[in-house]
mmCIF file of all heavy atoms, coordinates in Angstrom:
data_MODEL
# 
_entry.id   MODEL 
# 
loop_
_atom_site.group_PDB 
_atom_site.id 
_atom_site.type_symbol 
_atom_site.label_atom_id 
_atom_site.label_alt_id 
_atom_site.label_comp_id 
_atom_site.label_asym_id 
_atom_site.label_entity_id 
_atom_site.label_seq_id 
_atom_site.pdbx_PDB_ins_code 
_atom_site.Cartn_x 
_atom_site.Cartn_y 
_atom_site.Cartn_z 
_atom_site.occupancy 
_atom_site.B_iso_or_equiv 
_atom_site.pdbx_formal_charge 
_atom_site.auth_seq_id 
_atom_site.auth_comp_id 
_atom_site.auth_asym_id 
_atom_site.auth_atom_id 
_atom_site.pdbx_PDB_model_num 
ATOM 1   N N   . TYR A 1 1  ? 0.868   -1.310 0.062  1.00 0.00 ? 1  TYR A N   1 
ATOM 2   C CA  . TYR A 1 1  ? 0.067   0.005  -0.029 1.00 0.00 ? 1  TYR A CA  1 
ATOM 3   C C   . TYR A 1 1  ? 0.831   1.246  0.014  1.00 0.00 ? 1  TYR A C   1 
ATOM 4   O O   . TYR A 1 1  ? 0.332   2.289  0.409  1.00 0.00 ? 1  TYR A O   1 
ATOM 5   C CB  . TYR A 1 1  ? -0.919  0.053  1.124  1.00 0.00 ? 1  TYR A CB  1 
ATOM 6   C CG  . TYR A 1 1  ? -2.015  -1.085 1.127  1.00 0.00 ? 1  TYR A CG  1 
ATOM 7   C CD1 . TYR A 1 1  ? -2.085  -2.037 2.129  1.00 0.00 ? 1  TYR A CD1 1 
ATOM 8   C CD2 . TYR A 1 1  ? -2.972  -1.069 0.091  1.00 0.00 ? 1  TYR A CD2 1 
ATOM 9   C CE1 . TYR A 1 1  ? -3.029  -3.025 2.051  1.00 0.00 ? 1  TYR A CE1 1 
ATOM 10  C CE2 . TYR A 1 1  ? -3.927  -2.141 0.043  1.00 0.00 ? 1  TYR A CE2 1 
ATOM 11  C CZ  . TYR A 1 1  ? -3.954  -2.997 0.976  1.00 0.00 ? 1  TYR A CZ  1 
ATOM 12  O OH  . TYR A 1 1  ? -4.949  -3.960 0.962  1.00 0.00 ? 1  TYR A OH  1 
ATOM 13  N N   . LYS A 1 2  ? 2.057   1.316  -0.571 1.00 0.00 ? 2  LYS A N   1 
ATOM 14  C CA  . LYS A 1 2  ? 2.875   2.424  -0.598 1.00 0.00 ? 2  LYS A CA  1 
ATOM 15  C C   . LYS A 1 2  ? 2.445   3.328  -1.783 1.00 0.00 ? 2  LYS A C   1 
ATOM 16  O O   . LYS A 1 2  ? 1.723   2.851  -2.658 1.00 0.00 ? 2  LYS A O   1 
ATOM 17  C CB  . LYS A 1 2  ? 4.407   2.089  -0.682 1.00 0.00 ? 2  LYS A CB  1 
ATOM 18  C CG  . LYS A 1 2  ? 4.774   1.507  -1.949 1.00 0.00 ? 2  LYS A CG  1 
ATOM 19  C CD  . LYS A 1 2  ? 6.293   1.159  -1.880 1.00 0.00 ? 2  LYS A CD  1 
ATOM 20  C CE  . LYS A 1 2  ? 6.754   0.559  -3.135 1.00 0.00 ? 2  LYS A CE  1 
ATOM 21  N NZ  . LYS A 1 2  ? 8.110   0.220  -3.167 1.00 0.00 ? 2  LYS A NZ  1 
ATOM 22  N N   . GLY A 1 3  ? 2.926   4.489  -1.884 1.00 0.00 ? 3  GLY A N   1 
ATOM 23  C CA  . GLY A 1 3  ? 2.923   5.286  -3.065 1.00 0.00 ? 3  GLY A CA  1 
ATOM 24  C C   . GLY A 1 3  ? 1.634   6.212  -3.089 1.00 0.00 ? 3  GLY A C   1 
ATOM 25  O O   . GLY A 1 3  ? 1.302   6.738  -4.017 1.00 0.00 ? 3  GLY A O   1 
ATOM 26  N N   . TYR A 1 4  ? 0.946   6.315  -1.922 1.00 0.00 ? 4  TYR A N   1 
ATOM 27  C CA  . TYR A 1 4  ? -0.072  7.217  -1.703 1.00 0.00 ? 4  TYR A CA  1 
ATOM 28  C C   . TYR A 1 4  ? 0.346   8.556  -1.246 1.00 0.00 ? 4  TYR A C   1 
ATOM 29  O O   . TYR A 1 4  ? 1.204   8.707  -0.519 1.00 0.00 ? 4  TYR A O   1 
ATOM 30  C CB  . TYR A 1 4  ? -1.237  6.644  -0.890 1.00 0.00 ? 4  TYR A CB  1 
ATOM 31  C CG  . TYR A 1 4  ? -1.864  5.558  -1.542 1.00 0.00 ? 4  TYR A CG  1 
ATOM 32  C CD1 . TYR A 1 4  ? -1.367  4.167  -1.503 1.00 0.00 ? 4  TYR A CD1 1 
ATOM 33  C CD2 . TYR A 1 4  ? -3.009  5.799  -2.422 1.00 0.00 ? 4  TYR A CD2 1 
ATOM 34  C CE1 . TYR A 1 4  ? -2.156  3.130  -2.170 1.00 0.00 ? 4  TYR A CE1 1 
ATOM 35  C CE2 . TYR A 1 4  ? -3.637  4.637  -3.120 1.00 0.00 ? 4  TYR A CE2 1 
ATOM 36  C CZ  . TYR A 1 4  ? -3.177  3.481  -2.941 1.00 0.00 ? 4  TYR A CZ  1 
ATOM 37  O OH  . TYR A 1 4  ? -3.780  2.377  -3.658 1.00 0.00 ? 4  TYR A OH  1 
ATOM 38  N N   . ASP A 1 5  ? -0.430  9.586  -1.571 1.00 0.00 ? 5  ASP A N   1 
ATOM 39  C CA  . ASP A 1 5  ? -0.010  10.992 -1.051 1.00 0.00 ? 5  ASP A CA  1 
ATOM 40  C C   . ASP A 1 5  ? -0.507  11.227 0.379  1.00 0.00 ? 5  ASP A C   1 
ATOM 41  O O   . ASP A 1 5  ? 0.091   12.132 0.914  1.00 0.00 ? 5  ASP A O   1 
ATOM 42  C CB  . ASP A 1 5  ? -0.629  12.040 -2.047 1.00 0.00 ? 5  ASP A CB  1 
ATOM 43  C CG  . ASP A 1 5  ? -0.242  11.935 -3.472 1.00 0.00 ? 5  ASP A CG  1 
ATOM 44  O OD1 . ASP A 1 5  ? 1.046   11.681 -3.718 1.00 0.00 ? 5  ASP A OD1 1 
ATOM 45  O OD2 . ASP A 1 5  ? -1.178  11.980 -4.455 1.00 0.00 ? 5  ASP A OD2 1 
ATOM 46  N N   . TYR A 1 6  ? -1.446  10.495 0.812  1.00 0.00 ? 6  TYR A N   1 
ATOM 47  C CA  . TYR A 1 6  ? -1.950  10.592 2.211  1.00 0.00 ? 6  TYR A CA  1 
ATOM 48  C C   . TYR A 1 6  ? -2.744  9.368  2.512  1.00 0.00 ? 6  TYR A C   1 
ATOM 49  O O   . TYR A 1 6  ? -3.122  8.615  1.618  1.00 0.00 ? 6  TYR A O   1 
ATOM 50  C CB  . TYR A 1 6  ? -2.854  11.864 2.353  1.00 0.00 ? 6  TYR A CB  1 
ATOM 51  C CG  . TYR A 1 6  ? -3.985  12.022 1.522  1.00 0.00 ? 6  TYR A CG  1 
ATOM 52  C CD1 . TYR A 1 6  ? -5.218  11.418 1.925  1.00 0.00 ? 6  TYR A CD1 1 
ATOM 53  C CD2 . TYR A 1 6  ? -3.922  12.544 0.221  1.00 0.00 ? 6  TYR A CD2 1 
ATOM 54  C CE1 . TYR A 1 6  ? -6.418  11.506 1.002  1.00 0.00 ? 6  TYR A CE1 1 
ATOM 55  C CE2 . TYR A 1 6  ? -5.063  12.587 -0.633 1.00 0.00 ? 6  TYR A CE2 1 
ATOM 56  C CZ  . TYR A 1 6  ? -6.237  12.214 -0.224 1.00 0.00 ? 6  TYR A CZ  1 
ATOM 57  O OH  . TYR A 1 6  ? -7.346  12.223 -0.951 1.00 0.00 ? 6  TYR A OH  1 
ATOM 58  N N   . TYR A 1 7  ? -2.825  9.048  3.796  1.00 0.00 ? 7  TYR A N   1 
ATOM 59  C CA  . TYR A 1 7  ? -3.462  7.935  4.348  1.00 0.00 ? 7  TYR A CA  1 
ATOM 60  C C   . TYR A 1 7  ? -4.589  8.320  5.302  1.00 0.00 ? 7  TYR A C   1 
ATOM 61  O O   . TYR A 1 7  ? -4.478  9.275  6.058  1.00 0.00 ? 7  TYR A O   1 
ATOM 62  C CB  . TYR A 1 7  ? -2.544  7.059  5.121  1.00 0.00 ? 7  TYR A CB  1 
ATOM 63  C CG  . TYR A 1 7  ? -1.547  6.419  4.056  1.00 0.00 ? 7  TYR A CG  1 
ATOM 64  C CD1 . TYR A 1 7  ? -0.383  7.043  3.761  1.00 0.00 ? 7  TYR A CD1 1 
ATOM 65  C CD2 . TYR A 1 7  ? -1.734  5.132  3.710  1.00 0.00 ? 7  TYR A CD2 1 
ATOM 66  C CE1 . TYR A 1 7  ? 0.563   6.464  2.892  1.00 0.00 ? 7  TYR A CE1 1 
ATOM 67  C CE2 . TYR A 1 7  ? -0.792  4.524  2.838  1.00 0.00 ? 7  TYR A CE2 1 
ATOM 68  C CZ  . TYR A 1 7  ? 0.334   5.221  2.414  1.00 0.00 ? 7  TYR A CZ  1 
ATOM 69  O OH  . TYR A 1 7  ? 1.192   4.661  1.583  1.00 0.00 ? 7  TYR A OH  1 
ATOM 70  N N   . ILE A 1 8  ? -5.721  7.687  5.250  1.00 0.00 ? 8  ILE A N   1 
ATOM 71  C CA  . ILE A 1 8  ? -6.826  7.918  6.110  1.00 0.00 ? 8  ILE A CA  1 
ATOM 72  C C   . ILE A 1 8  ? -7.269  6.581  6.765  1.00 0.00 ? 8  ILE A C   1 
ATOM 73  O O   . ILE A 1 8  ? -7.103  5.569  6.153  1.00 0.00 ? 8  ILE A O   1 
ATOM 74  C CB  . ILE A 1 8  ? -8.029  8.372  5.272  1.00 0.00 ? 8  ILE A CB  1 
ATOM 75  C CG1 . ILE A 1 8  ? -7.697  9.445  4.277  1.00 0.00 ? 8  ILE A CG1 1 
ATOM 76  C CG2 . ILE A 1 8  ? -9.277  8.721  6.190  1.00 0.00 ? 8  ILE A CG2 1 
ATOM 77  C CD1 . ILE A 1 8  ? -8.674  9.517  3.061  1.00 0.00 ? 8  ILE A CD1 1 
ATOM 78  N N   . GLY A 1 9  ? -7.627  6.624  7.978  1.00 0.00 ? 9  GLY A N   1 
ATOM 79  C CA  . GLY A 1 9  ? -7.986  5.435  8.736  1.00 0.00 ? 9  GLY A CA  1 
ATOM 80  C C   . GLY A 1 9  ? -8.824  5.643  9.781  1.00 0.00 ? 9  GLY A C   1 
ATOM 81  O O   . GLY A 1 9  ? -8.783  6.613  10.533 1.00 0.00 ? 9  GLY A O   1 
ATOM 82  N N   . SER A 1 10 ? -9.788  4.737  10.100 1.00 0.00 ? 10 SER A N   1 
ATOM 83  C CA  . SER A 1 10 ? -10.669 4.791  11.233 1.00 0.00 ? 10 SER A CA  1 
ATOM 84  C C   . SER A 1 10 ? -10.438 3.558  12.105 1.00 0.00 ? 10 SER A C   1 
ATOM 85  O O   . SER A 1 10 ? -10.266 2.370  11.661 1.00 0.00 ? 10 SER A O   1 
ATOM 86  C CB  . SER A 1 10 ? -12.103 4.706  10.591 1.00 0.00 ? 10 SER A CB  1 
ATOM 87  O OG  . SER A 1 10 ? -13.106 4.723  11.732 1.00 0.00 ? 10 SER A OG  1 
ATOM 88  N N   . SER A 1 11 ? -10.319 3.827  13.344 1.00 0.00 ? 11 SER A N   1 
ATOM 89  C CA  . SER A 1 11 ? -10.104 2.789  14.363 1.00 0.00 ? 11 SER A CA  1 
ATOM 90  C C   . SER A 1 11 ? -8.888  1.986  14.122 1.00 0.00 ? 11 SER A C   1 
ATOM 91  O O   . SER A 1 11 ? -7.812  2.443  14.008 1.00 0.00 ? 11 SER A O   1 
ATOM 92  C CB  . SER A 1 11 ? -11.345 1.984  14.516 1.00 0.00 ? 11 SER A CB  1 
ATOM 93  O OG  . SER A 1 11 ? -11.444 1.140  15.742 1.00 0.00 ? 11 SER A OG  1 
ATOM 94  N N   . MET A 1 12 ? -8.987  0.640  13.803 1.00 0.00 ? 12 MET A N   1 
ATOM 95  C CA  . MET A 1 12 ? -7.928  -0.156 13.631 1.00 0.00 ? 12 MET A CA  1 
ATOM 96  C C   . MET A 1 12 ? -7.238  0.310  12.264 1.00 0.00 ? 12 MET A C   1 
ATOM 97  O O   . MET A 1 12 ? -6.107  0.282  12.016 1.00 0.00 ? 12 MET A O   1 
ATOM 98  C CB  . MET A 1 12 ? -8.305  -1.718 13.390 1.00 0.00 ? 12 MET A CB  1 
ATOM 99  C CG  . MET A 1 12 ? -7.259  -2.558 12.972 1.00 0.00 ? 12 MET A CG  1 
ATOM 100 S SD  . MET A 1 12 ? -5.719  -2.588 14.012 1.00 0.00 ? 12 MET A SD  1 
ATOM 101 C CE  . MET A 1 12 ? -6.431  -3.434 15.431 1.00 0.00 ? 12 MET A CE  1 
ATOM 102 N N   . GLY A 1 13 ? -8.164  0.874  11.253 1.00 0.00 ? 13 GLY A N   1 
ATOM 103 C CA  . GLY A 1 13 ? -7.649  1.313  10.048 1.00 0.00 ? 13 GLY A CA  1 
ATOM 104 C C   . GLY A 1 13 ? -6.834  2.596  10.286 1.00 0.00 ? 13 GLY A C   1 
ATOM 105 O O   . GLY A 1 13 ? -5.818  2.923  9.510  1.00 0.00 ? 13 GLY A O   1 
ATOM 106 N N   . GLY A 1 14 ? -7.041  3.275  11.448 1.00 0.00 ? 14 GLY A N   1 
ATOM 107 C CA  . GLY A 1 14 ? -6.262  4.508  11.814 1.00 0.00 ? 14 GLY A CA  1 
ATOM 108 C C   . GLY A 1 14 ? -4.897  4.020  12.282 1.00 0.00 ? 14 GLY A C   1 
ATOM 109 O O   . GLY A 1 14 ? -3.894  4.729  12.046 1.00 0.00 ? 14 GLY A O   1 
ATOM 110 N N   . TYR A 1 15 ? -4.829  2.907  12.907 1.00 0.00 ? 15 TYR A N   1 
ATOM 111 C CA  . TYR A 1 15 ? -3.443  2.336  13.267 1.00 0.00 ? 15 TYR A CA  1 
ATOM 112 C C   . TYR A 1 15 ? -2.702  2.119  12.099 1.00 0.00 ? 15 TYR A C   1 
ATOM 113 O O   . TYR A 1 15 ? -1.437  2.353  11.934 1.00 0.00 ? 15 TYR A O   1 
ATOM 114 C CB  . TYR A 1 15 ? -3.810  0.955  14.088 1.00 0.00 ? 15 TYR A CB  1 
ATOM 115 C CG  . TYR A 1 15 ? -2.651  0.172  14.339 1.00 0.00 ? 15 TYR A CG  1 
ATOM 116 C CD1 . TYR A 1 15 ? -1.895  0.321  15.474 1.00 0.00 ? 15 TYR A CD1 1 
ATOM 117 C CD2 . TYR A 1 15 ? -2.393  -0.952 13.524 1.00 0.00 ? 15 TYR A CD2 1 
ATOM 118 C CE1 . TYR A 1 15 ? -0.766  -0.510 15.747 1.00 0.00 ? 15 TYR A CE1 1 
ATOM 119 C CE2 . TYR A 1 15 ? -1.326  -1.755 13.720 1.00 0.00 ? 15 TYR A CE2 1 
ATOM 120 C CZ  . TYR A 1 15 ? -0.560  -1.593 14.780 1.00 0.00 ? 15 TYR A CZ  1 
ATOM 121 O OH  . TYR A 1 15 ? 0.543   -2.488 15.026 1.00 0.00 ? 15 TYR A OH  1 
ATOM 122 N N   . LEU A 1 16 ? -3.220  1.414  10.988 1.00 0.00 ? 16 LEU A N   1 
ATOM 123 C CA  . LEU A 1 16 ? -2.577  1.053  9.784  1.00 0.00 ? 16 LEU A CA  1 
ATOM 124 C C   . LEU A 1 16 ? -2.247  2.345  9.050  1.00 0.00 ? 16 LEU A C   1 
ATOM 125 O O   . LEU A 1 16 ? -1.006  2.497  8.634  1.00 0.00 ? 16 LEU A O   1 
ATOM 126 C CB  . LEU A 1 16 ? -3.461  0.082  8.994  1.00 0.00 ? 16 LEU A CB  1 
ATOM 127 C CG  . LEU A 1 16 ? -2.932  -0.407 7.727  1.00 0.00 ? 16 LEU A CG  1 
ATOM 128 C CD1 . LEU A 1 16 ? -1.508  -1.082 7.902  1.00 0.00 ? 16 LEU A CD1 1 
ATOM 129 C CD2 . LEU A 1 16 ? -3.894  -1.371 7.009  1.00 0.00 ? 16 LEU A CD2 1 
ATOM 130 N N   . ALA A 1 17 ? -3.158  3.233  8.918  1.00 0.00 ? 17 ALA A N   1 
ATOM 131 C CA  . ALA A 1 17 ? -2.882  4.497  8.199  1.00 0.00 ? 17 ALA A CA  1 
ATOM 132 C C   . ALA A 1 17 ? -1.693  5.271  8.785  1.00 0.00 ? 17 ALA A C   1 
ATOM 133 O O   . ALA A 1 17 ? -0.927  5.887  8.178  1.00 0.00 ? 17 ALA A O   1 
ATOM 134 C CB  . ALA A 1 17 ? -4.124  5.310  8.101  1.00 0.00 ? 17 ALA A CB  1 
ATOM 135 N N   . PHE A 1 18 ? -1.802  5.302  10.151 1.00 0.00 ? 18 PHE A N   1 
ATOM 136 C CA  . PHE A 1 18 ? -0.684  6.100  10.870 1.00 0.00 ? 18 PHE A CA  1 
ATOM 137 C C   . PHE A 1 18 ? 0.647   5.539  10.628 1.00 0.00 ? 18 PHE A C   1 
ATOM 138 O O   . PHE A 1 18 ? 1.547   6.305  10.205 1.00 0.00 ? 18 PHE A O   1 
ATOM 139 C CB  . PHE A 1 18 ? -1.033  5.919  12.448 1.00 0.00 ? 18 PHE A CB  1 
ATOM 140 C CG  . PHE A 1 18 ? 0.073   6.614  13.263 1.00 0.00 ? 18 PHE A CG  1 
ATOM 141 C CD1 . PHE A 1 18 ? 0.249   7.990  13.346 1.00 0.00 ? 18 PHE A CD1 1 
ATOM 142 C CD2 . PHE A 1 18 ? 1.052   5.776  13.866 1.00 0.00 ? 18 PHE A CD2 1 
ATOM 143 C CE1 . PHE A 1 18 ? 1.441   8.565  14.123 1.00 0.00 ? 18 PHE A CE1 1 
ATOM 144 C CE2 . PHE A 1 18 ? 2.111   6.346  14.649 1.00 0.00 ? 18 PHE A CE2 1 
ATOM 145 C CZ  . PHE A 1 18 ? 2.178   7.651  14.817 1.00 0.00 ? 18 PHE A CZ  1 
ATOM 146 N N   . TYR A 1 19 ? 0.912   4.172  10.820 1.00 0.00 ? 19 TYR A N   1 
ATOM 147 C CA  . TYR A 1 19 ? 2.226   3.629  10.493 1.00 0.00 ? 19 TYR A CA  1 
ATOM 148 C C   . TYR A 1 19 ? 2.640   3.744  9.161  1.00 0.00 ? 19 TYR A C   1 
ATOM 149 O O   . TYR A 1 19 ? 3.774   4.079  8.814  1.00 0.00 ? 19 TYR A O   1 
ATOM 150 C CB  . TYR A 1 19 ? 2.316   2.237  11.108 1.00 0.00 ? 19 TYR A CB  1 
ATOM 151 C CG  . TYR A 1 19 ? 2.385   2.200  12.582 1.00 0.00 ? 19 TYR A CG  1 
ATOM 152 C CD1 . TYR A 1 19 ? 1.379   1.925  13.383 1.00 0.00 ? 19 TYR A CD1 1 
ATOM 153 C CD2 . TYR A 1 19 ? 3.728   2.555  13.116 1.00 0.00 ? 19 TYR A CD2 1 
ATOM 154 C CE1 . TYR A 1 19 ? 1.537   2.047  14.837 1.00 0.00 ? 19 TYR A CE1 1 
ATOM 155 C CE2 . TYR A 1 19 ? 3.790   2.561  14.580 1.00 0.00 ? 19 TYR A CE2 1 
ATOM 156 C CZ  . TYR A 1 19 ? 2.734   2.241  15.416 1.00 0.00 ? 19 TYR A CZ  1 
ATOM 157 O OH  . TYR A 1 19 ? 2.841   2.287  16.775 1.00 0.00 ? 19 TYR A OH  1 
ATOM 158 N N   . MET A 1 20 ? 1.623   3.716  8.226  1.00 0.00 ? 20 MET A N   1 
ATOM 159 C CA  . MET A 1 20 ? 2.048   3.693  6.805  1.00 0.00 ? 20 MET A CA  1 
ATOM 160 C C   . MET A 1 20 ? 2.472   5.073  6.391  1.00 0.00 ? 20 MET A C   1 
ATOM 161 O O   . MET A 1 20 ? 3.472   5.375  5.751  1.00 0.00 ? 20 MET A O   1 
ATOM 162 C CB  . MET A 1 20 ? 0.799   3.408  5.858  1.00 0.00 ? 20 MET A CB  1 
ATOM 163 C CG  . MET A 1 20 ? 0.332   1.943  6.009  1.00 0.00 ? 20 MET A CG  1 
ATOM 164 S SD  . MET A 1 20 ? 1.499   0.713  5.266  1.00 0.00 ? 20 MET A SD  1 
ATOM 165 C CE  . MET A 1 20 ? 1.256   1.217  3.512  1.00 0.00 ? 20 MET A CE  1 
ATOM 166 N N   . ALA A 1 21 ? 1.715   6.140  6.929  1.00 0.00 ? 21 ALA A N   1 
ATOM 167 C CA  . ALA A 1 21 ? 1.977   7.477  6.709  1.00 0.00 ? 21 ALA A CA  1 
ATOM 168 C C   . ALA A 1 21 ? 3.427   7.927  7.380  1.00 0.00 ? 21 ALA A C   1 
ATOM 169 O O   . ALA A 1 21 ? 4.122   8.687  6.701  1.00 0.00 ? 21 ALA A O   1 
ATOM 170 C CB  . ALA A 1 21 ? 0.825   8.470  7.315  1.00 0.00 ? 21 ALA A CB  1 
ATOM 171 N N   . MET A 1 22 ? 3.612   7.435  8.577  1.00 0.00 ? 22 MET A N   1 
ATOM 172 C CA  . MET A 1 22 ? 4.897   7.795  9.200  1.00 0.00 ? 22 MET A CA  1 
ATOM 173 C C   . MET A 1 22 ? 5.995   7.244  8.458  1.00 0.00 ? 22 MET A C   1 
ATOM 174 O O   . MET A 1 22 ? 7.052   7.774  8.255  1.00 0.00 ? 22 MET A O   1 
ATOM 175 C CB  . MET A 1 22 ? 4.921   7.263  10.618 1.00 0.00 ? 22 MET A CB  1 
ATOM 176 C CG  . MET A 1 22 ? 3.998   8.038  11.563 1.00 0.00 ? 22 MET A CG  1 
ATOM 177 S SD  . MET A 1 22 ? 4.092   9.873  11.657 1.00 0.00 ? 22 MET A SD  1 
ATOM 178 C CE  . MET A 1 22 ? 2.892   10.352 10.452 1.00 0.00 ? 22 MET A CE  1 
ATOM 179 N N   . ARG A 1 23 ? 5.922   5.986  8.055  1.00 0.00 ? 23 ARG A N   1 
ATOM 180 C CA  . ARG A 1 23 ? 7.048   5.393  7.171  1.00 0.00 ? 23 ARG A CA  1 
ATOM 181 C C   . ARG A 1 23 ? 7.197   6.061  5.915  1.00 0.00 ? 23 ARG A C   1 
ATOM 182 O O   . ARG A 1 23 ? 8.357   6.193  5.456  1.00 0.00 ? 23 ARG A O   1 
ATOM 183 C CB  . ARG A 1 23 ? 6.581   3.896  7.003  1.00 0.00 ? 23 ARG A CB  1 
ATOM 184 C CG  . ARG A 1 23 ? 7.446   3.091  5.979  1.00 0.00 ? 23 ARG A CG  1 
ATOM 185 C CD  . ARG A 1 23 ? 8.942   2.785  6.624  1.00 0.00 ? 23 ARG A CD  1 
ATOM 186 N NE  . ARG A 1 23 ? 9.727   1.814  5.894  1.00 0.00 ? 23 ARG A NE  1 
ATOM 187 C CZ  . ARG A 1 23 ? 10.144  2.002  4.766  1.00 0.00 ? 23 ARG A CZ  1 
ATOM 188 N NH1 . ARG A 1 23 ? 10.109  3.205  4.198  1.00 0.00 ? 23 ARG A NH1 1 
ATOM 189 N NH2 . ARG A 1 23 ? 10.758  1.095  4.147  1.00 0.00 ? 23 ARG A NH2 1 
ATOM 190 N N   . ALA A 1 24 ? 6.075   6.445  5.315  1.00 0.00 ? 24 ALA A N   1 
ATOM 191 C CA  . ALA A 1 24 ? 6.249   7.112  3.906  1.00 0.00 ? 24 ALA A CA  1 
ATOM 192 C C   . ALA A 1 24 ? 6.569   8.646  4.131  1.00 0.00 ? 24 ALA A C   1 
ATOM 193 O O   . ALA A 1 24 ? 6.969   9.206  2.965  1.00 0.00 ? 24 ALA A O   1 
ATOM 194 C CB  . ALA A 1 24 ? 4.870   6.968  3.229  1.00 0.00 ? 24 ALA A CB  1 
ATOM 195 N N   . GLY A 1 25 ? 6.325   9.174  5.173  1.00 0.00 ? 25 GLY A N   1 
ATOM 196 C CA  . GLY A 1 25 ? 6.429   10.661 5.378  1.00 0.00 ? 25 GLY A CA  1 
ATOM 197 C C   . GLY A 1 25 ? 5.453   11.505 4.780  1.00 0.00 ? 25 GLY A C   1 
ATOM 198 O O   . GLY A 1 25 ? 5.771   12.575 4.187  1.00 0.00 ? 25 GLY A O   1 
# 
């Protein structure tokens, strides 16, 4: 799931979105 300009997530999806966004900057 890399290569996105931003990540959105709700609840557990927020957990996934957070770490993806932090890794991708």
